[in-house]
Protein backbone atom coordinates (compact mmCIF):
# COMPACT_ATOMS: atom_id res chain seq x y z
CA MET A 1 0.00 0.00 0.00
CA THR A 2 1.31 3.42 -0.97
CA GLY A 3 0.90 6.44 1.27
CA PRO A 4 -0.46 9.70 -0.18
CA TYR A 5 2.69 11.74 0.55
CA GLY A 6 5.60 9.35 0.52
CA PRO A 7 6.96 5.86 0.06
CA PRO A 8 4.89 2.81 0.74
CA GLU A 9 4.00 2.34 4.39
CA PRO A 10 5.33 -0.86 5.98
CA PRO A 11 2.85 -3.50 6.87
CA ASN A 12 1.39 -3.36 10.37
CA ARG A 13 3.40 -6.37 11.43
CA TRP A 14 6.67 -4.48 10.75
CA ARG A 15 5.54 -1.44 12.73
CA THR A 16 4.61 -3.76 15.58
CA LEU A 17 8.05 -5.33 15.39
CA ASP A 18 9.72 -1.89 15.52
CA ARG A 19 7.81 -0.98 18.66
CA ASP A 20 8.71 -4.30 20.25
CA LEU A 21 12.40 -3.79 19.43
CA LYS A 22 12.31 -0.35 21.06
CA ARG A 23 10.78 -1.85 24.17
CA LEU A 24 13.44 -4.57 24.18
CA GLY A 25 16.15 -1.93 23.81
CA ARG A 26 14.85 0.02 26.78
CA LEU A 27 14.55 -3.20 28.76
CA GLU A 28 18.18 -4.08 28.00
CA VAL A 29 19.35 -0.62 29.16
CA ALA A 30 17.32 -0.93 32.37
CA SER A 31 18.62 -4.45 32.99
CA ALA A 32 22.20 -3.32 32.50
CA TYR A 33 21.71 -0.44 34.96
CA VAL A 34 20.16 -2.71 37.59
CA SER A 35 22.81 -5.40 37.16
CA ARG A 36 25.80 -3.10 37.75
CA PRO A 37 25.68 -3.48 41.55
CA LEU A 38 25.29 -7.21 41.10
CA VAL A 39 28.40 -7.40 38.90
CA ALA A 40 30.41 -5.30 41.37
CA GLY A 41 29.19 -7.47 44.23
CA ALA A 42 30.15 -10.64 42.38
CA ILE A 43 33.65 -9.29 41.73
CA ALA A 44 33.98 -8.33 45.39
CA LEU A 45 32.89 -11.82 46.46
CA VAL A 46 35.47 -13.39 44.18
CA PHE A 47 38.15 -11.09 45.61
CA VAL A 48 37.48 -12.00 49.25
CA LEU A 49 37.37 -15.71 48.42
CA LEU A 50 40.68 -15.40 46.59
CA ALA A 51 42.07 -13.54 49.60
CA GLY A 52 41.23 -16.49 51.83
CA GLY A 53 42.72 -19.00 49.41
CA ALA A 54 45.88 -16.97 48.91
CA ALA A 55 46.36 -16.58 52.65
CA VAL A 56 46.19 -20.35 53.14
CA ALA A 57 48.59 -20.94 50.24
CA VAL A 58 51.14 -18.34 51.37
CA GLY A 59 50.63 -18.20 55.10
CA GLY A 60 51.18 -21.82 55.97
CA ARG A 61 49.32 -25.05 56.60
CA SER A 62 48.58 -24.77 60.32
CA ASP A 63 45.16 -23.48 61.42
CA ILE A 64 43.98 -23.19 57.83
CA ALA A 65 40.37 -22.42 58.70
CA VAL A 66 41.26 -19.59 61.11
CA LEU A 67 43.71 -18.03 58.68
CA ALA A 68 41.23 -18.25 55.79
CA VAL A 69 38.43 -16.62 57.80
CA ALA A 70 40.75 -13.84 58.98
CA ALA A 71 41.98 -13.13 55.44
CA VAL A 72 38.43 -13.08 54.05
CA LEU A 73 37.33 -10.59 56.69
CA ALA A 74 40.45 -8.46 56.18
CA GLY A 75 39.84 -8.42 52.42
CA TYR A 76 36.21 -7.47 53.03
CA MET A 77 37.31 -4.68 55.36
CA ALA A 78 39.82 -3.38 52.82
CA LEU A 79 37.13 -3.29 50.12
CA ASN A 80 34.89 -1.23 52.39
CA ILE A 81 37.69 1.17 53.29
CA GLY A 82 38.50 1.76 49.63
CA ALA A 83 34.85 2.40 48.83
CA ASN A 84 34.22 4.62 51.87
CA ASP A 85 37.31 6.84 51.91
CA ILE A 86 37.79 7.56 48.20
CA GLY A 87 35.46 10.56 48.59
CA ASN A 88 37.98 12.19 50.93
CA THR A 89 40.94 11.65 48.62
CA MET A 90 39.69 12.32 45.08
CA GLY A 91 36.42 14.06 45.96
CA PRO A 92 37.87 17.59 45.87
CA ALA A 93 39.44 17.08 42.43
CA VAL A 94 36.30 15.51 40.95
CA GLY A 95 34.08 18.14 42.56
CA ALA A 96 36.23 20.89 41.06
CA ARG A 97 36.10 19.14 37.64
CA ALA A 98 39.87 18.91 37.46
CA ILE A 99 39.67 15.20 36.60
CA GLY A 100 36.95 12.85 35.41
CA LEU A 101 35.43 10.22 37.66
CA GLY A 102 36.82 7.24 35.74
CA ALA A 103 40.35 8.64 35.58
CA ALA A 104 40.14 9.58 39.27
CA LEU A 105 39.22 6.04 40.28
CA PHE A 106 42.06 4.48 38.27
CA ALA A 107 44.72 6.95 39.43
CA ALA A 108 43.56 6.70 43.04
CA ALA A 109 43.78 2.90 42.93
CA VAL A 110 47.44 3.07 41.90
CA ALA A 111 48.34 5.73 44.47
CA GLU A 112 46.50 3.97 47.32
CA ALA A 113 48.29 0.71 46.60
CA ALA A 114 51.66 2.47 46.46
CA GLY A 115 51.07 4.18 49.81
CA ALA A 116 50.08 0.93 51.48
CA LEU A 117 53.06 -0.99 50.11
CA ILE A 118 55.69 1.69 50.70
CA SER A 119 54.82 3.13 54.09
CA GLY A 120 51.94 1.23 55.64
CA ARG A 121 53.83 -0.97 58.08
CA GLU A 122 54.29 1.48 60.96
CA VAL A 123 50.59 2.14 61.45
CA VAL A 124 49.82 -1.56 60.92
CA ALA A 125 52.10 -2.29 63.89
CA THR A 126 50.05 0.10 66.06
CA ILE A 127 46.72 -1.57 65.28
CA SER A 128 48.07 -5.12 65.42
CA GLY A 129 50.16 -5.08 68.57
CA ARG A 130 49.74 -1.92 70.63
CA LEU A 131 45.99 -1.75 71.27
CA ILE A 132 45.90 -5.21 72.88
CA PRO A 133 49.52 -6.29 73.47
CA LEU A 134 50.10 -10.02 73.15
CA GLU A 135 52.44 -9.94 76.16
CA GLY A 136 49.51 -8.98 78.40
CA LEU A 137 47.55 -12.12 77.53
CA SER A 138 47.95 -15.44 79.30
CA ASP A 139 47.58 -17.19 75.93
CA PRO A 140 48.55 -15.25 72.78
CA ARG A 141 45.90 -17.15 70.85
CA GLN A 142 43.23 -15.27 72.82
CA ILE A 143 43.79 -12.41 70.40
CA ILE A 144 42.46 -14.46 67.45
CA PRO A 145 38.71 -14.41 68.23
CA VAL A 146 39.02 -10.80 69.41
CA MET A 147 40.45 -9.60 66.09
CA ILE A 148 38.02 -11.72 64.04
CA ALA A 149 35.08 -10.16 65.90
CA ALA A 150 36.57 -6.67 65.46
CA LEU A 151 37.03 -7.15 61.70
CA ALA A 152 33.49 -8.46 61.29
CA ALA A 153 31.89 -5.64 63.29
CA ALA A 154 33.87 -2.79 61.72
CA SER A 155 33.50 -3.99 58.14
CA LEU A 156 29.75 -4.54 58.48
CA TRP A 157 29.26 -1.05 59.93
CA ILE A 158 31.35 0.58 57.21
CA ASN A 159 29.43 -1.36 54.57
CA LEU A 160 26.14 -0.15 56.05
CA ALA A 161 27.40 3.43 56.26
CA GLY A 162 28.47 3.32 52.62
CA TRP A 163 25.02 2.09 51.64
CA LEU A 164 23.56 5.05 53.59
CA ARG A 165 26.01 7.37 51.74
CA ALA A 166 27.64 8.49 55.00
CA PRO A 167 31.47 8.68 54.75
CA VAL A 168 32.28 7.55 58.29
CA SER A 169 35.72 7.09 59.78
CA THR A 170 37.11 3.61 59.18
CA THR A 171 39.80 4.29 61.80
CA HIS A 172 37.15 5.00 64.43
CA ALA A 173 35.37 1.80 63.44
CA ILE A 174 38.31 -0.58 63.80
CA VAL A 175 39.75 1.00 66.98
CA GLY A 176 36.33 0.94 68.65
CA ALA A 177 35.74 -2.63 67.51
CA VAL A 178 39.11 -3.88 68.78
CA ALA A 179 38.53 -2.22 72.16
CA GLY A 180 34.98 -3.58 72.45
CA ALA A 181 35.95 -7.14 71.54
CA GLY A 182 38.95 -7.00 73.88
CA VAL A 183 36.82 -5.90 76.82
CA SER A 184 34.27 -8.61 76.06
CA ALA A 185 36.98 -11.27 75.87
CA VAL A 186 39.43 -10.49 78.65
CA GLY A 187 38.14 -7.40 80.44
CA PRO A 188 39.20 -3.75 80.47
CA GLY A 189 42.67 -4.61 81.69
CA ALA A 190 43.69 -6.21 78.40
CA VAL A 191 43.23 -3.00 76.41
CA ASN A 192 46.08 -0.51 76.16
CA TRP A 193 44.00 2.50 77.17
CA PRO A 194 46.91 5.01 77.09
CA GLN A 195 47.57 4.07 73.46
CA ILE A 196 43.87 4.46 72.63
CA GLY A 197 43.93 7.81 74.42
CA VAL A 198 46.82 8.95 72.22
CA ILE A 199 44.89 7.83 69.12
CA ALA A 200 41.74 9.63 70.31
CA GLY A 201 43.79 12.76 70.91
CA GLY A 202 45.00 12.52 67.33
CA TRP A 203 41.38 12.34 66.18
CA VAL A 204 40.75 15.71 67.84
CA LEU A 205 43.97 17.45 66.85
CA SER A 206 44.30 16.19 63.26
CA PRO A 207 41.14 17.86 61.86
CA LEU A 208 42.12 21.10 63.60
CA LEU A 209 45.58 20.85 62.05
CA GLY A 210 44.09 20.04 58.64
CA GLY A 211 41.69 22.97 58.89
CA GLY A 212 44.44 25.34 59.94
CA LEU A 213 46.74 24.23 57.15
CA SER A 214 44.02 24.51 54.49
CA ALA A 215 43.10 28.02 55.66
CA GLY A 216 46.79 28.95 55.69
CA PHE A 217 47.33 27.62 52.17
CA LEU A 218 44.29 29.53 50.90
CA ALA A 219 45.53 32.73 52.55
CA LEU A 220 48.96 32.16 50.97
CA VAL A 221 47.49 31.59 47.49
CA ASN A 222 45.36 34.71 47.83
CA ALA A 223 48.30 36.81 48.98
CA LEU A 224 50.71 35.58 46.31
CA ILE A 225 48.36 35.15 43.36
CA ALA A 226 44.61 35.75 43.63
CA ASP A 227 44.74 39.24 45.19
CA ARG A 228 47.48 40.55 42.92
CA GLU A 229 46.67 43.06 40.20
CA ASP A 230 48.17 40.84 37.46
CA LYS A 231 46.90 37.44 38.57
CA ILE A 232 48.14 35.49 35.55
CA ALA A 233 51.70 36.79 35.87
CA ALA A 234 51.66 36.08 39.61
CA ALA A 235 50.43 32.54 38.94
CA GLN A 236 53.22 31.95 36.44
CA ARG A 237 55.73 33.09 39.06
CA TRP A 238 54.41 31.42 42.22
CA LEU A 239 52.43 28.34 41.17
CA PRO A 240 55.60 26.44 40.07
CA VAL A 241 57.13 27.34 43.45
CA LEU A 242 54.13 25.89 45.29
CA ILE A 243 54.33 22.73 43.18
CA GLY A 244 58.05 22.46 43.94
CA VAL A 245 57.44 22.73 47.69
CA MET A 246 54.72 20.09 47.48
CA VAL A 247 56.95 17.67 45.57
CA ALA A 248 59.91 18.35 47.89
CA VAL A 249 57.97 17.45 51.04
CA PHE A 250 56.34 14.39 49.50
CA GLY A 251 59.52 13.21 47.79
CA VAL A 252 61.57 13.24 50.98
CA TYR A 253 58.84 11.36 52.82
CA VAL A 254 58.71 8.64 50.16
CA PHE A 255 62.51 8.51 49.98
CA VAL A 256 62.84 7.93 53.71
CA ARG A 257 59.93 5.49 54.01
CA ALA A 258 60.59 3.50 50.83
CA LEU A 259 64.34 3.16 51.22
CA PRO A 260 65.02 2.79 54.96
CA ALA A 261 67.84 0.33 54.29
CA LEU A 262 69.95 3.16 52.85
CA SER A 263 70.07 4.79 56.30
CA VAL A 264 70.44 8.26 54.81
CA PRO A 265 71.80 10.67 57.47
CA ALA A 266 69.37 13.42 58.41
CA VAL A 267 71.88 16.04 57.36
CA PHE A 268 71.40 15.07 53.70
CA LEU A 269 67.61 15.28 53.72
CA PRO A 270 67.43 19.08 53.19
CA GLY A 271 69.66 18.73 50.13
CA ILE A 272 67.50 15.90 48.73
CA SER A 273 64.42 18.04 49.35
CA LEU A 274 65.94 21.00 47.49
CA VAL A 275 66.92 18.84 44.52
CA LEU A 276 63.47 17.27 44.19
CA GLY A 277 61.70 20.58 44.65
CA GLY A 278 64.01 22.29 42.17
CA LEU A 279 63.38 19.68 39.50
CA ALA A 280 59.62 19.98 39.98
CA TRP A 281 59.89 23.77 39.76
CA LEU A 282 61.85 23.58 36.51
CA ILE A 283 59.32 21.19 34.96
CA ALA A 284 56.29 23.16 36.17
CA ARG A 285 57.43 26.56 34.87
CA PRO A 286 56.97 25.91 31.12
CA VAL A 287 53.83 23.87 31.76
CA VAL A 288 52.17 26.71 33.69
CA ARG A 289 53.39 29.27 31.15
CA ARG A 290 51.80 27.38 28.27
CA ALA A 291 48.55 26.88 30.20
CA ALA A 292 48.37 30.64 30.91
CA ILE A 293 48.42 31.66 27.24
CA GLY A 294 45.21 33.46 26.31
CA LEU A 295 43.73 33.50 29.82
CA GLU A 296 41.95 36.61 31.07
CA ASN A 297 43.29 38.42 34.12
CA ARG A 298 40.55 37.27 36.52
CA ARG A 299 40.11 34.84 39.39
CA ARG A 300 38.13 32.41 37.27
CA SER A 301 41.19 31.84 35.08
CA LEU A 302 43.13 30.51 38.09
CA ARG A 303 40.88 27.47 38.17
CA ARG A 304 42.35 26.23 34.92
CA LEU A 305 45.91 26.84 36.08
CA PHE A 306 45.41 25.03 39.40
CA GLY A 307 43.75 21.97 37.84
CA PRO A 308 46.90 19.86 37.23
CA SER A 309 48.40 20.73 40.63
CA LEU A 310 45.10 19.80 42.26
CA VAL A 311 45.28 16.35 40.67
CA MET A 312 48.85 16.00 41.98
CA ALA A 313 47.77 17.00 45.49
CA SER A 314 44.85 14.55 45.36
CA LEU A 315 47.13 11.69 44.33
CA LEU A 316 49.46 12.65 47.17
CA LEU A 317 46.45 12.41 49.46
CA CYS A 318 45.62 8.96 48.05
CA PHE A 319 49.17 7.83 48.81
CA ALA A 320 48.90 9.19 52.36
CA HIS A 321 45.55 7.51 52.85
CA GLY A 322 46.90 4.16 51.68
CA SER A 323 49.87 4.42 54.04
CA ASN A 324 47.66 5.18 57.03
CA ASP A 325 44.33 3.43 56.54
CA VAL A 326 45.61 0.09 55.26
CA SER A 327 46.23 -0.67 58.92
CA ASN A 328 42.50 -0.63 59.62
CA ALA A 329 42.10 -3.81 57.56
CA ILE A 330 45.50 -5.47 57.91
CA GLY A 331 46.35 -4.68 61.54
CA PRO A 332 43.95 -7.28 63.00
CA LEU A 333 45.05 -9.83 60.38
CA VAL A 334 48.70 -9.30 61.31
CA ALA A 335 47.84 -9.81 64.98
CA ILE A 336 46.19 -13.12 64.11
CA VAL A 337 49.14 -14.22 61.97
CA GLU A 338 51.54 -13.41 64.80
CA ALA A 339 49.39 -15.28 67.32
CA LEU A 340 49.53 -18.30 65.04
CA GLY A 341 53.33 -18.04 65.07
CA GLN A 342 53.62 -17.27 61.35
CA GLY A 343 54.76 -13.66 61.25
CA ARG A 344 56.68 -12.54 64.32
CA ALA A 345 59.87 -11.98 62.36
CA HIS A 346 58.26 -9.32 60.19
CA ALA A 347 57.99 -5.70 61.31
CA GLY A 348 54.42 -4.67 60.57
CA GLY A 349 53.45 -8.15 59.41
CA PRO A 350 54.39 -10.43 56.52
CA ALA A 351 54.56 -8.92 53.04
CA TRP A 352 51.52 -10.83 51.79
CA THR A 353 49.28 -9.10 54.36
CA ILE A 354 50.26 -5.65 53.06
CA LEU A 355 49.72 -6.83 49.48
CA LEU A 356 46.25 -8.04 50.45
CA GLY A 357 45.39 -4.68 52.01
CA ALA A 358 46.74 -2.68 49.06
CA ALA A 359 44.76 -4.79 46.58
CA GLY A 360 41.60 -4.53 48.67
CA LEU A 361 41.79 -0.74 48.88
CA SER A 362 42.23 -0.43 45.12
CA VAL A 363 39.51 -2.93 44.18
CA GLY A 364 37.05 -1.40 46.66
CA LEU A 365 37.41 2.15 45.42
CA VAL A 366 37.14 1.12 41.76
CA LEU A 367 34.01 -0.98 42.34
CA PHE A 368 32.11 1.12 44.86
CA GLY A 369 33.82 4.51 45.23
CA ALA A 370 31.74 6.50 42.74
CA ARG A 371 28.85 7.08 45.15
CA LEU A 372 30.71 8.72 48.03
CA ILE A 373 33.16 10.62 45.84
CA ARG A 374 30.28 12.92 44.87
CA ILE A 375 29.29 13.66 48.49
CA VAL A 376 32.63 15.06 49.65
CA GLY A 377 33.38 16.46 46.21
CA SER A 378 30.25 18.49 45.60
CA GLU A 379 27.64 18.32 48.37
CA ILE A 380 29.46 19.62 51.46
CA THR A 381 30.67 22.93 50.05
CA ARG A 382 31.18 24.64 46.73
CA LEU A 383 34.72 23.80 45.63
CA ASN A 384 36.90 25.10 42.86
CA PRO A 385 40.42 23.93 41.96
CA VAL A 386 42.13 26.54 44.15
CA ARG A 387 40.15 25.72 47.30
CA SER A 388 40.27 22.00 46.56
CA TRP A 389 44.05 22.17 46.19
CA CYS A 390 44.29 23.71 49.66
CA VAL A 391 42.04 21.02 51.17
CA ALA A 392 43.80 18.11 49.45
CA LEU A 393 47.33 19.29 50.25
CA SER A 394 46.58 20.08 53.90
CA THR A 395 44.89 16.70 54.37
CA ALA A 396 47.76 14.85 52.72
CA MET A 397 50.40 16.58 54.83
CA THR A 398 48.48 15.91 58.06
CA VAL A 399 47.98 12.22 57.26
CA LEU A 400 51.63 11.81 56.23
CA MET A 401 52.80 13.31 59.52
CA ALA A 402 50.52 10.95 61.42
CA SER A 403 51.74 7.96 59.40
CA ALA A 404 55.36 8.83 60.13
CA ALA A 405 54.49 8.83 63.84
CA GLY A 406 52.65 5.50 63.55
CA LEU A 407 49.38 7.16 64.59
CA PRO A 408 46.16 5.95 62.90
CA VAL A 409 44.10 9.06 62.17
CA SER A 410 40.87 9.59 60.28
CA SER A 411 41.34 10.94 56.77
CA THR A 412 37.60 11.67 56.79
CA HIS A 413 37.98 13.90 59.85
CA ILE A 414 40.95 15.71 58.36
CA ALA A 415 39.37 16.22 54.93
CA VAL A 416 36.19 17.71 56.37
CA GLY A 417 38.33 19.73 58.78
CA GLY A 418 40.12 21.11 55.74
CA VAL A 419 36.79 22.03 54.16
CA PHE A 420 35.79 23.80 57.36
CA GLY A 421 39.11 25.66 57.39
CA VAL A 422 38.59 26.93 53.86
CA GLY A 423 34.97 27.84 54.58
CA PHE A 424 35.69 29.73 57.78
CA TYR A 425 38.58 31.57 56.18
CA ARG A 426 36.34 32.67 53.32
CA GLU A 427 33.69 33.75 55.83
CA TRP A 428 36.22 35.84 57.72
CA GLN A 429 37.50 37.29 54.47
CA ALA A 430 33.94 38.13 53.34
CA ARG A 431 33.24 39.98 56.57
CA ARG A 432 36.35 42.06 56.10
CA ALA A 433 35.43 42.87 52.50
CA GLY A 434 31.82 43.80 53.29
CA PRO A 435 28.68 42.60 51.50
CA PRO A 436 29.13 40.92 48.09
CA ARG A 437 28.42 42.76 44.86
CA ASP A 438 25.19 40.93 44.20
CA ALA A 439 23.86 41.45 47.73
CA ALA A 440 21.14 43.72 46.35
CA ALA A 441 20.10 41.12 43.79
CA ALA A 442 19.89 38.22 46.26
CA PRO A 443 18.34 37.88 49.71
CA PRO A 444 20.89 38.27 52.55
CA GLU A 445 20.46 34.65 53.64
CA VAL A 446 21.17 33.38 50.12
CA ALA A 447 24.19 35.62 49.69
CA ARG A 448 25.59 34.47 53.03
CA ARG A 449 25.15 30.77 52.29
CA ARG A 450 27.07 31.05 49.04
CA ARG A 451 30.26 31.48 51.02
CA LEU A 452 29.81 28.88 53.76
CA VAL A 453 29.92 25.14 54.23
CA ARG A 454 26.58 23.41 53.81
CA ARG A 455 26.18 22.43 57.41
CA SER A 456 23.28 20.05 56.85
CA HIS A 457 25.57 17.49 55.17
CA VAL A 458 28.34 18.04 57.70
CA LEU A 459 25.96 17.48 60.63
CA THR A 460 24.94 14.14 59.10
CA ILE A 461 28.58 13.10 58.80
CA LEU A 462 29.38 14.27 62.34
CA ALA A 463 26.46 12.26 63.71
CA ALA A 464 27.81 9.15 61.96
CA TRP A 465 31.24 9.79 63.49
CA ILE A 466 29.82 10.14 67.00
CA VAL A 467 28.01 6.81 66.93
CA THR A 468 30.78 4.87 65.15
CA VAL A 469 33.09 4.15 68.11
CA PRO A 470 30.49 3.03 70.70
CA LEU A 471 28.41 1.20 68.09
CA CYS A 472 31.37 -0.77 66.73
CA ALA A 473 32.61 -1.51 70.25
CA ALA A 474 29.25 -2.89 71.30
CA PHE A 475 28.78 -4.78 68.03
CA ALA A 476 32.23 -6.39 68.23
CA GLY A 477 31.68 -7.37 71.87
CA LEU A 478 28.36 -8.96 70.97
CA ILE A 479 29.86 -10.87 68.02
CA TYR A 480 32.67 -12.17 70.23
CA ALA A 481 30.24 -13.29 72.93
CA LEU A 482 27.96 -15.02 70.45
CA THR A 483 30.80 -16.82 68.67
CA ARG A 484 32.27 -18.04 71.95
CA LEU A 485 28.85 -19.16 73.08
CA ALA A 486 28.28 -21.09 69.89
CA SER A 487 31.89 -22.44 69.94
CA LEU A 488 32.47 -21.15 66.41
CA VAL A 489 35.97 -19.88 67.16
């Protein structure tokens, strides 16, 4: 049959087929969207099962069941840490649109693994042997059910918090869980309360330090670059210097932590720092100069110039996070390995435990990190590359200092503390400058909120932090009691 204004119309059966194909196409898209979590969950399940099998193969043949269970729980914990904490490390860069989400996940996975492998042992030693010292137990094997209960309780809580989109502190979770299981097993006397007090003090001081550093960095950038009359020329002069300082500090840290066998005298460290910083400065100068071509002399142009350095600072933060937070998953596993008599000769645990933690962090953030990276990156406060650079660098420096001291701190606390520091500095600066230009065009409440942290999201995160320690302690104590009652351990 021929239509009046065109080619012959297809038979009704073909039009019906076209509509059916469209429905099938939409169904396939919907099925693929729904199945993504299932695929990620299946990969995670395979990873934890492989972790248990690898631990048995590498760790020895005695107490196979205990070692396999401990490795599975440690792998599960590492997956949750990677998924939960990626928002603190790459969130600022993604929120400022300096790097795409896919590239951020891949780069963060590499940096997290490097931090765990190079400098994770010191903090692992704190979690594994200083919270509940083996010497204080009548039987060192008493530590095994305690650490298994702590791993189970902390990982389940972090998993639940990630599902609720609340980036809680994984350090709080594991320290609270170890203390709760230890009290349930042996009593309060088995727990090293002075060490836990030192850790808790670090939880209070580290976000204050991170906030102060981020505010100081923002004030420095404003003084050297943003408030100058010729902002582009000032950026070409001072941004390479800032990059050189960042590389110098980070390079010396990695040099000392990665190559301790060289026993480099402290007197040579300033020279090494100057060489590394100088090389970074020389490389950054032409790069910044080329990026500045054609840019207008305005603050908005600085966002483009700070983009690459923000990515560098975020990767530095990923390295610092890996070096510090790998202990939250591997510390209890190392304590179990040592109680089984398979790892006492290794400082910070056998090498395969660190490899397991590094792999778990990377796999977890790649599979599940996309959800929380948007919360810290875009929903707490309005970030641009300059402010995000200040937050990322201050957080990284604070975590690195804590890692060097063997102190497990919360990268979540420090990152949000950095956001607060930037926000309060901008508030103080706004009060000095008077009302904004568009104050007449916008209600006063709206104009004020544009400059401050969105406190509604922060209050939700703070509430999750407050309940984490007591909840994980009680949960771990309950798990220990139930497993002992059922003679499962």
